[in-house]
Every structure is written in structure tokens, then in C-alpha cells.
Amino acid sequence: YKVKNPDLKPLHQRAREMIARFEA
């Protein structure tokens, strides 16, 4: 799903950046 809500966009971005730091 696309992130359309402007309140969720920065939270989604932070989550994706944190997720990238995991091996799995």
C-alpha cells in the first residue's frame, strides 16, 4: 500500500530506515 497520509509518511520513513539495519 502507498503511504498517502502526511502524518504517517515520516513515521513510515523512520520505520523503513530502522528495518534496513536488521539482518532479517
PDB file of all heavy atoms in Angstrom:
ATOM      1  N   TYR A   1       0.857  -1.184   0.000  1.00  0.00           N
ATOM      2  CA  TYR A   1       0.000   0.000   0.000  1.00  0.00           C
ATOM      3  C   TYR A   1       0.890   1.229   0.000  1.00  0.00           C
ATOM      4  O   TYR A   1       1.947   1.239   0.640  1.00  0.00           O
ATOM      5  CB  TYR A   1      -0.876   0.075   1.256  1.00  0.00           C
ATOM      6  CG  TYR A   1      -1.994  -0.914   1.401  1.00  0.00           C
ATOM      7  CD1 TYR A   1      -2.773  -0.894   2.550  1.00  0.00           C
ATOM      8  CD2 TYR A   1      -2.296  -1.863   0.432  1.00  0.00           C
ATOM      9  CE1 TYR A   1      -3.813  -1.784   2.738  1.00  0.00           C
ATOM     10  CE2 TYR A   1      -3.335  -2.759   0.610  1.00  0.00           C
ATOM     11  CZ  TYR A   1      -4.096  -2.717   1.761  1.00  0.00           C
ATOM     12  OH  TYR A   1      -5.118  -3.608   1.942  1.00  0.00           O
ATOM     13  N   LYS A   2       0.454   2.285  -0.695  1.00  0.00           N
ATOM     14  CA  LYS A   2       1.153   3.559  -0.653  1.00  0.00           C
ATOM     15  C   LYS A   2       0.823   4.270   0.652  1.00  0.00           C
ATOM     16  O   LYS A   2      -0.260   4.090   1.212  1.00  0.00           O
ATOM     17  CB  LYS A   2       0.731   4.437  -1.825  1.00  0.00           C
ATOM     18  CG  LYS A   2       1.237   3.946  -3.148  1.00  0.00           C
ATOM     19  CD  LYS A   2       0.881   4.909  -4.246  1.00  0.00           C
ATOM     20  CE  LYS A   2       1.443   4.388  -5.565  1.00  0.00           C
ATOM     21  NZ  LYS A   2       1.227   5.331  -6.643  1.00  0.00           N
ATOM     22  N   VAL A   3       1.741   5.086   1.107  1.00  0.00           N
ATOM     23  CA  VAL A   3       1.518   5.907   2.305  1.00  0.00           C
ATOM     24  C   VAL A   3       1.064   7.268   1.819  1.00  0.00           C
ATOM     25  O   VAL A   3       1.859   8.066   1.345  1.00  0.00           O
ATOM     26  CB  VAL A   3       2.798   6.017   3.163  1.00  0.00           C
ATOM     27  CG1 VAL A   3       2.518   6.816   4.429  1.00  0.00           C
ATOM     28  CG2 VAL A   3       3.342   4.638   3.491  1.00  0.00           C
ATOM     29  N   LYS A   4      -0.231   7.530   1.946  1.00  0.00           N
ATOM     30  CA  LYS A   4      -0.798   8.778   1.444  1.00  0.00           C
ATOM     31  C   LYS A   4      -0.975   9.818   2.542  1.00  0.00           C
ATOM     32  O   LYS A   4      -0.891  11.009   2.279  1.00  0.00           O
ATOM     33  CB  LYS A   4      -2.150   8.499   0.783  1.00  0.00           C
ATOM     34  CG  LYS A   4      -2.049   7.595  -0.433  1.00  0.00           C
ATOM     35  CD  LYS A   4      -3.419   7.290  -0.992  1.00  0.00           C
ATOM     36  CE  LYS A   4      -3.316   6.321  -2.161  1.00  0.00           C
ATOM     37  NZ  LYS A   4      -4.636   5.925  -2.653  1.00  0.00           N
ATOM     38  N   ASN A   5      -1.208   9.369   3.763  1.00  0.00           N
ATOM     39  CA  ASN A   5      -1.463  10.287   4.878  1.00  0.00           C
ATOM     40  C   ASN A   5      -0.177  11.021   5.256  1.00  0.00           C
ATOM     41  O   ASN A   5       0.831  10.392   5.569  1.00  0.00           O
ATOM     42  CB  ASN A   5      -2.003   9.491   6.072  1.00  0.00           C
ATOM     43  CG  ASN A   5      -2.371  10.361   7.244  1.00  0.00           C
ATOM     44  OD1 ASN A   5      -1.605  11.210   7.675  1.00  0.00           O
ATOM     45  ND2 ASN A   5      -3.553  10.121   7.786  1.00  0.00           N
ATOM     46  N   PRO A   6      -0.197  12.367   5.252  1.00  0.00           N
ATOM     47  CA  PRO A   6       1.029  13.124   5.564  1.00  0.00           C
ATOM     48  C   PRO A   6       1.536  12.900   6.992  1.00  0.00           C
ATOM     49  O   PRO A   6       2.742  13.020   7.226  1.00  0.00           O
ATOM     50  CB  PRO A   6       0.628  14.588   5.349  1.00  0.00           C
ATOM     51  CG  PRO A   6      -0.840  14.615   5.207  1.00  0.00           C
ATOM     52  CD  PRO A   6      -1.315  13.233   4.886  1.00  0.00           C
ATOM     53  N   ASP A   7       0.653  12.533   7.920  1.00  0.00           N
ATOM     54  CA  ASP A   7       1.096  12.253   9.295  1.00  0.00           C
ATOM     55  C   ASP A   7       1.850  10.933   9.389  1.00  0.00           C
ATOM     56  O   ASP A   7       2.683  10.746  10.276  1.00  0.00           O
ATOM     57  CB  ASP A   7      -0.098  12.215  10.258  1.00  0.00           C
ATOM     58  CG  ASP A   7      -0.761  13.564  10.415  1.00  0.00           C
ATOM     59  OD1 ASP A   7      -0.083  14.602  10.198  1.00  0.00           O
ATOM     60  OD2 ASP A   7      -1.960  13.591  10.750  1.00  0.00           O
ATOM     61  N   LEU A   8       1.560  10.007   8.469  1.00  0.00           N
ATOM     62  CA  LEU A   8       2.203   8.690   8.509  1.00  0.00           C
ATOM     63  C   LEU A   8       3.505   8.634   7.719  1.00  0.00           C
ATOM     64  O   LEU A   8       4.356   7.786   7.988  1.00  0.00           O
ATOM     65  CB  LEU A   8       1.242   7.619   7.986  1.00  0.00           C
ATOM     66  CG  LEU A   8      -0.062   7.431   8.750  1.00  0.00           C
ATOM     67  CD1 LEU A   8      -0.872   6.294   8.138  1.00  0.00           C
ATOM     68  CD2 LEU A   8       0.196   7.178  10.232  1.00  0.00           C
ATOM     69  N   LYS A   9       3.677   9.532   6.757  1.00  0.00           N
ATOM     70  CA  LYS A   9       4.871   9.479   5.897  1.00  0.00           C
ATOM     71  C   LYS A   9       6.183   9.533   6.672  1.00  0.00           C
ATOM     72  O   LYS A   9       7.061   8.692   6.441  1.00  0.00           O
ATOM     73  CB  LYS A   9       4.808  10.573   4.837  1.00  0.00           C
ATOM     74  CG  LYS A   9       3.816  10.249   3.740  1.00  0.00           C
ATOM     75  CD  LYS A   9       3.794  11.307   2.668  1.00  0.00           C
ATOM     76  CE  LYS A   9       2.798  10.904   1.575  1.00  0.00           C
ATOM     77  NZ  LYS A   9       2.785  11.851   0.469  1.00  0.00           N
ATOM     78  N   PRO A  10       6.370  10.473   7.625  1.00  0.00           N
ATOM     79  CA  PRO A  10       7.655  10.471   8.348  1.00  0.00           C
ATOM     80  C   PRO A  10       7.819   9.245   9.256  1.00  0.00           C
ATOM     81  O   PRO A  10       8.929   8.754   9.430  1.00  0.00           O
ATOM     82  CB  PRO A  10       7.623  11.767   9.162  1.00  0.00           C
ATOM     83  CG  PRO A  10       6.202  12.188   9.211  1.00  0.00           C
ATOM     84  CD  PRO A  10       5.539  11.617   7.995  1.00  0.00           C
ATOM     85  N   LEU A  11       6.729   8.743   9.787  1.00  0.00           N
ATOM     86  CA  LEU A  11       6.801   7.546  10.633  1.00  0.00           C
ATOM     87  C   LEU A  11       7.180   6.333   9.788  1.00  0.00           C
ATOM     88  O   LEU A  11       8.004   5.503  10.194  1.00  0.00           O
ATOM     89  CB  LEU A  11       5.467   7.314  11.350  1.00  0.00           C
ATOM     90  CG  LEU A  11       4.989   8.450  12.244  1.00  0.00           C
ATOM     91  CD1 LEU A  11       3.584   8.174  12.757  1.00  0.00           C
ATOM     92  CD2 LEU A  11       5.953   8.664  13.394  1.00  0.00           C
ATOM     93  N   HIS A  12       6.588   6.228   8.618  1.00  0.00           N
ATOM     94  CA  HIS A  12       6.902   5.142   7.693  1.00  0.00           C
ATOM     95  C   HIS A  12       8.375   5.214   7.277  1.00  0.00           C
ATOM     96  O   HIS A  12       9.073   4.193   7.262  1.00  0.00           O
ATOM     97  CB  HIS A  12       5.989   5.229   6.464  1.00  0.00           C
ATOM     98  CG  HIS A  12       6.241   4.169   5.459  1.00  0.00           C
ATOM     99  ND1 HIS A  12       7.038   4.371   4.348  1.00  0.00           N
ATOM    100  CD2 HIS A  12       5.818   2.886   5.384  1.00  0.00           C
ATOM    101  CE1 HIS A  12       7.090   3.258   3.640  1.00  0.00           C
ATOM    102  NE2 HIS A  12       6.357   2.341   4.251  1.00  0.00           N
ATOM    103  N   GLN A  13       8.846   6.403   6.967  1.00  0.00           N
ATOM    104  CA  GLN A  13      10.242   6.575   6.562  1.00  0.00           C
ATOM    105  C   GLN A  13      11.192   6.161   7.682  1.00  0.00           C
ATOM    106  O   GLN A  13      12.177   5.453   7.435  1.00  0.00           O
ATOM    107  CB  GLN A  13      10.509   8.031   6.149  1.00  0.00           C
ATOM    108  CG  GLN A  13      11.918   8.276   5.657  1.00  0.00           C
ATOM    109  CD  GLN A  13      12.258   7.451   4.426  1.00  0.00           C
ATOM    110  OE1 GLN A  13      11.419   7.210   3.559  1.00  0.00           O
ATOM    111  NE2 GLN A  13      13.503   6.987   4.356  1.00  0.00           N
ATOM    112  N   ARG A  14      10.905   6.598   8.906  1.00  0.00           N
ATOM    113  CA  ARG A  14      11.746   6.195  10.052  1.00  0.00           C
ATOM    114  C   ARG A  14      11.743   4.682  10.223  1.00  0.00           C
ATOM    115  O   ARG A  14      12.793   4.066  10.467  1.00  0.00           O
ATOM    116  CB  ARG A  14      11.250   6.862  11.344  1.00  0.00           C
ATOM    117  CG  ARG A  14      11.880   8.186  11.576  1.00  0.00           C
ATOM    118  CD  ARG A  14      11.552   8.855  12.880  1.00  0.00           C
ATOM    119  NE  ARG A  14      11.307   8.038  14.029  1.00  0.00           N
ATOM    120  CZ  ARG A  14      10.369   8.293  14.944  1.00  0.00           C
ATOM    121  NH1 ARG A  14       9.578   9.340  14.825  1.00  0.00           N
ATOM    122  NH2 ARG A  14      10.228   7.519  15.995  1.00  0.00           N
ATOM    123  N   ALA A  15      10.566   4.067  10.105  1.00  0.00           N
ATOM    124  CA  ALA A  15      10.475   2.608  10.252  1.00  0.00           C
ATOM    125  C   ALA A  15      11.308   1.905   9.182  1.00  0.00           C
ATOM    126  O   ALA A  15      12.060   0.968   9.483  1.00  0.00           O
ATOM    127  CB  ALA A  15       9.019   2.161  10.182  1.00  0.00           C
ATOM    128  N   ARG A  16      11.206   2.348   7.933  1.00  0.00           N
ATOM    129  CA  ARG A  16      11.965   1.719   6.850  1.00  0.00           C
ATOM    130  C   ARG A  16      13.473   1.851   7.091  1.00  0.00           C
ATOM    131  O   ARG A  16      14.235   0.915   6.831  1.00  0.00           O
ATOM    132  CB  ARG A  16      11.598   2.332   5.491  1.00  0.00           C
ATOM    133  CG  ARG A  16      10.153   2.146   5.066  1.00  0.00           C
ATOM    134  CD  ARG A  16       9.732   0.723   4.860  1.00  0.00           C
ATOM    135  NE  ARG A  16      10.588   0.081   3.882  1.00  0.00           N
ATOM    136  CZ  ARG A  16      10.715  -1.230   3.756  1.00  0.00           C
ATOM    137  NH1 ARG A  16      10.029  -2.039   4.521  1.00  0.00           N
ATOM    138  NH2 ARG A  16      11.510  -1.741   2.866  1.00  0.00           N
ATOM    139  N   GLU A  17      13.908   3.007   7.583  1.00  0.00           N
ATOM    140  CA  GLU A  17      15.334   3.201   7.878  1.00  0.00           C
ATOM    141  C   GLU A  17      15.789   2.267   8.994  1.00  0.00           C
ATOM    142  O   GLU A  17      16.896   1.707   8.932  1.00  0.00           O
ATOM    143  CB  GLU A  17      15.591   4.657   8.265  1.00  0.00           C
ATOM    144  CG  GLU A  17      15.475   5.613   7.083  1.00  0.00           C
ATOM    145  CD  GLU A  17      15.427   7.084   7.491  1.00  0.00           C
ATOM    146  OE1 GLU A  17      15.541   7.390   8.703  1.00  0.00           O
ATOM    147  OE2 GLU A  17      15.272   7.935   6.592  1.00  0.00           O
ATOM    148  N   MET A  18      14.966   2.091  10.006  1.00  0.00           N
ATOM    149  CA  MET A  18      15.331   1.191  11.109  1.00  0.00           C
ATOM    150  C   MET A  18      15.332  -0.265  10.639  1.00  0.00           C
ATOM    151  O   MET A  18      16.228  -1.034  10.985  1.00  0.00           O
ATOM    152  CB  MET A  18      14.372   1.388  12.287  1.00  0.00           C
ATOM    153  CG  MET A  18      14.509   2.756  12.945  1.00  0.00           C
ATOM    154  SD  MET A  18      13.213   3.085  14.150  1.00  0.00           S
ATOM    155  CE  MET A  18      13.912   2.270  15.588  1.00  0.00           C
ATOM    156  N   ILE A  19      14.334  -0.640   9.847  1.00  0.00           N
ATOM    157  CA  ILE A  19      14.232  -2.015   9.349  1.00  0.00           C
ATOM    158  C   ILE A  19      15.459  -2.388   8.526  1.00  0.00           C
ATOM    159  O   ILE A  19      15.951  -3.519   8.597  1.00  0.00           O
ATOM    160  CB  ILE A  19      12.929  -2.188   8.532  1.00  0.00           C
ATOM    161  CG1 ILE A  19      11.719  -2.151   9.471  1.00  0.00           C
ATOM    162  CG2 ILE A  19      12.952  -3.466   7.703  1.00  0.00           C
ATOM    163  CD1 ILE A  19      10.382  -1.969   8.777  1.00  0.00           C
ATOM    164  N   ALA A  20      16.004  -1.452   7.784  1.00  0.00           N
ATOM    165  CA  ALA A  20      17.184  -1.705   6.949  1.00  0.00           C
ATOM    166  C   ALA A  20      18.402  -2.109   7.775  1.00  0.00           C
ATOM    167  O   ALA A  20      19.344  -2.706   7.251  1.00  0.00           O
ATOM    168  CB  ALA A  20      17.502  -0.465   6.110  1.00  0.00           C
ATOM    169  N   ARG A  21      18.393  -1.834   9.070  1.00  0.00           N
ATOM    170  CA  ARG A  21      19.531  -2.160   9.940  1.00  0.00           C
ATOM    171  C   ARG A  21      19.489  -3.603  10.453  1.00  0.00           C
ATOM    172  O   ARG A  21      20.450  -4.066  11.071  1.00  0.00           O
ATOM    173  CB  ARG A  21      19.575  -1.178  11.107  1.00  0.00           C
ATOM    174  CG  ARG A  21      19.829   0.248  10.613  1.00  0.00           C
ATOM    175  CD  ARG A  21      19.617   1.304  11.650  1.00  0.00           C
ATOM    176  NE  ARG A  21      20.376   1.080  12.860  1.00  0.00           N
ATOM    177  CZ  ARG A  21      20.173   1.742  13.997  1.00  0.00           C
ATOM    178  NH1 ARG A  21      19.243   2.689  14.055  1.00  0.00           N
ATOM    179  NH2 ARG A  21      20.892   1.485  15.062  1.00  0.00           N
ATOM    180  N   PHE A  22      18.393  -4.333  10.195  1.00  0.00           N
ATOM    181  CA  PHE A  22      18.295  -5.727  10.644  1.00  0.00           C
ATOM    182  C   PHE A  22      18.876  -6.661   9.589  1.00  0.00           C
ATOM    183  O   PHE A  22      18.813  -6.384   8.391  1.00  0.00           O
ATOM    184  CB  PHE A  22      16.824  -6.109  10.888  1.00  0.00           C
ATOM    185  CG  PHE A  22      16.233  -5.460  12.109  1.00  0.00           C
ATOM    186  CD1 PHE A  22      15.577  -4.247  12.014  1.00  0.00           C
ATOM    187  CD2 PHE A  22      16.358  -6.051  13.352  1.00  0.00           C
ATOM    188  CE1 PHE A  22      15.046  -3.633  13.136  1.00  0.00           C
ATOM    189  CE2 PHE A  22      15.829  -5.448  14.483  1.00  0.00           C
ATOM    190  CZ  PHE A  22      15.176  -4.234  14.372  1.00  0.00           C
ATOM    191  N   GLU A  23      19.432  -7.779  10.046  1.00  0.00           N
ATOM    192  CA  GLU A  23      19.893  -8.811   9.117  1.00  0.00           C
ATOM    193  C   GLU A  23      18.704  -9.465   8.438  1.00  0.00           C
ATOM    194  O   GLU A  23      18.762  -9.796   7.253  1.00  0.00           O
ATOM    195  CB  GLU A  23      20.705  -9.876   9.868  1.00  0.00           C
ATOM    196  CG  GLU A  23      22.060  -9.409  10.326  1.00  0.00           C
ATOM    197  CD  GLU A  23      22.794 -10.472  11.126  1.00  0.00           C
ATOM    198  OE1 GLU A  23      22.409 -11.669  11.062  1.00  0.00           O
ATOM    199  OE2 GLU A  23      23.751 -10.113  11.825  1.00  0.00           O
ATOM    200  N   ALA A  24      17.648  -9.694   9.209  1.00  0.00           N
ATOM    201  CA  ALA A  24      16.439 -10.317   8.677  1.00  0.00           C
ATOM    202  C   ALA A  24      15.238  -9.677   9.363  1.00  0.00           C
ATOM    203  O   ALA A  24      15.251  -9.437  10.574  1.00  0.00           O
ATOM    204  CB  ALA A  24      16.453 -11.817   8.931  1.00  0.00           C
TER     205      ALA A  24
END
